[in-house]
Structures are given as structure tokens and as C-alpha cells.
Amino acid sequence: MDTLSNTVKYAMLGYAGQALNGWSYLTSSDDQSLFTILSVGQAGGQHIVDTGLVVLIRSGRVIIERDVNDRPLVDVLIADGIPRDRIVLAYAGESADEAA
């Protein structure tokens, strides 16, 4: 696994674990280019499954497709040494093509 994928993976581990009414899990593609946090739990007496964090790594960039957390992943990645110009907030309308 390359350094960028490794950094993203370990940053995202901070979003996994026991949640209020369930668990959140880090999942990844075999080639370590796609990472998600998948949450499974109960809310209002109903079974809930949600993917609140979706990240792609492409062409040396971290593309955050979805982030619904109160602690945005972009802040964690910057603190971990990834330059902001290598991070694309697709969920906020930034384009990976424009950033290249």
C-alpha cells in the first residue's frame, strides 16, 4: 500500500468503532483506492445502515465523495500532513478534474 493510501486508511480508522446505537466499520477495495465508513445500528426502533464517509484515491489525490461527520476528514488529513491542494471535496462541489 502506498503512503497516501496508508495515511488515509489510518485517518479513517478514527471514524470506526462503537457508535451511539451501533457500530461503524472501515471498509476498503482490494486495491486500497476506495475507503468507506459503514455504520450499522438502531434509531427510532428501526435498523439503520449508512455510509457517511466515502473516499477515493486517484492520481495522487484524495477525493472525498461524502463526509457527514462533525469532525471533517479534510481537517484530519491536513493535520496528518496531506497538503490541501491534494484533497478534493467532491461533496462540496470541488472537481477532481479542475484540481489536476
Protein backbone atom coordinates (compact mmCIF):
# COMPACT_ATOMS: atom_id res chain seq x y z
CA MET A 1 0.00 0.00 0.00
CA ASP A 2 1.40 3.41 -0.89
CA THR A 3 1.94 6.17 1.64
CA LEU A 4 -1.12 8.22 0.61
CA SER A 5 -3.47 5.22 0.90
CA ASN A 6 -1.88 4.29 4.21
CA THR A 7 -2.35 7.81 5.60
CA VAL A 8 -6.00 7.91 4.51
CA LYS A 9 -6.68 4.45 5.91
CA TYR A 10 -5.28 5.26 9.33
CA ALA A 11 -7.03 8.64 9.44
CA MET A 12 -10.33 6.96 8.65
CA LEU A 13 -9.83 4.36 11.39
CA GLY A 14 -10.58 7.21 13.79
CA TYR A 15 -14.17 7.20 12.48
CA ALA A 16 -14.69 3.46 13.02
CA GLY A 17 -15.79 1.73 16.21
CA GLN A 18 -18.71 1.63 18.57
CA ALA A 19 -21.27 4.36 17.93
CA LEU A 20 -24.23 5.57 19.97
CA ASN A 21 -26.60 2.80 18.88
CA GLY A 22 -24.40 0.52 16.79
CA TRP A 23 -21.02 0.18 15.12
CA SER A 24 -19.10 1.90 12.33
CA TYR A 25 -16.71 -0.11 10.17
CA LEU A 26 -13.83 0.85 7.87
CA THR A 27 -14.12 -0.93 4.52
CA SER A 28 -11.83 -0.74 1.51
CA SER A 29 -11.43 -2.00 -2.02
CA ASP A 30 -8.83 -4.67 -2.74
CA ASP A 31 -6.54 -2.13 -4.40
CA GLN A 32 -6.88 0.36 -1.49
CA SER A 33 -8.22 3.11 -3.77
CA LEU A 34 -11.69 3.28 -2.16
CA PHE A 35 -12.39 3.59 1.56
CA THR A 36 -15.73 3.91 3.33
CA ILE A 37 -17.06 4.12 6.84
CA LEU A 38 -20.18 1.98 7.01
CA SER A 39 -22.42 2.44 10.04
CA VAL A 40 -24.94 -0.17 11.20
CA GLY A 41 -27.26 0.39 14.14
CA GLN A 42 -30.67 1.19 15.53
CA ALA A 43 -32.50 4.52 15.52
CA GLY A 44 -36.10 5.09 16.49
CA GLY A 45 -36.66 1.37 16.72
CA GLN A 46 -35.51 0.83 13.13
CA HIS A 47 -32.44 -0.87 11.69
CA ILE A 48 -30.23 1.75 10.01
CA VAL A 49 -27.32 1.31 7.58
CA ASP A 50 -25.48 4.38 6.29
CA THR A 51 -22.24 5.23 4.54
CA GLY A 52 -21.26 8.58 5.98
CA LEU A 53 -17.71 8.77 4.65
CA VAL A 54 -16.59 7.78 1.14
CA VAL A 55 -13.07 8.47 -0.15
CA LEU A 56 -11.37 7.69 -3.47
CA ILE A 57 -7.66 7.90 -4.14
CA ARG A 58 -6.91 8.70 -7.74
CA SER A 59 -3.89 10.24 -9.49
CA GLY A 60 -2.21 11.16 -6.23
CA ARG A 61 -5.28 12.96 -4.91
CA VAL A 62 -7.67 12.19 -2.07
CA ILE A 63 -11.22 12.69 -3.33
CA ILE A 64 -13.73 12.89 -0.50
CA GLU A 65 -17.05 12.00 -2.11
CA ARG A 66 -19.14 12.09 1.06
CA ASP A 67 -18.47 13.29 4.60
CA VAL A 68 -21.33 13.88 7.05
CA ASN A 69 -19.19 13.95 10.18
CA ASP A 70 -18.93 16.81 12.67
CA ARG A 71 -15.14 16.35 12.51
CA PRO A 72 -14.42 16.65 8.75
CA LEU A 73 -11.88 14.21 7.35
CA VAL A 74 -10.18 17.02 5.42
CA ASP A 75 -9.03 18.55 8.74
CA VAL A 76 -7.62 15.23 9.94
CA LEU A 77 -5.79 14.63 6.65
CA ILE A 78 -4.22 18.09 6.68
CA ALA A 79 -3.11 17.55 10.29
CA ASP A 80 -1.59 14.24 9.13
CA GLY A 81 0.50 16.06 6.50
CA ILE A 82 -1.51 15.79 3.29
CA PRO A 83 -1.45 19.18 1.52
CA ARG A 84 -4.89 20.75 0.97
CA ASP A 85 -4.19 21.01 -2.78
CA ARG A 86 -4.10 17.18 -2.94
CA ILE A 87 -7.56 16.90 -1.31
CA VAL A 88 -10.74 17.31 -3.34
CA LEU A 89 -14.04 17.90 -1.53
CA ALA A 90 -16.34 16.44 -4.18
CA TYR A 91 -19.28 16.59 -1.74
CA ALA A 92 -18.80 20.38 -1.61
CA GLY A 93 -18.72 20.77 -5.40
CA GLU A 94 -14.95 20.68 -5.97
CA SER A 95 -13.92 18.85 -9.12
CA ALA A 96 -11.03 16.40 -9.24
CA ASP A 97 -10.52 17.36 -12.89
CA GLU A 98 -10.13 21.05 -12.03
CA ALA A 99 -7.67 20.25 -9.23
CA ALA A 100 -5.37 18.26 -11.52
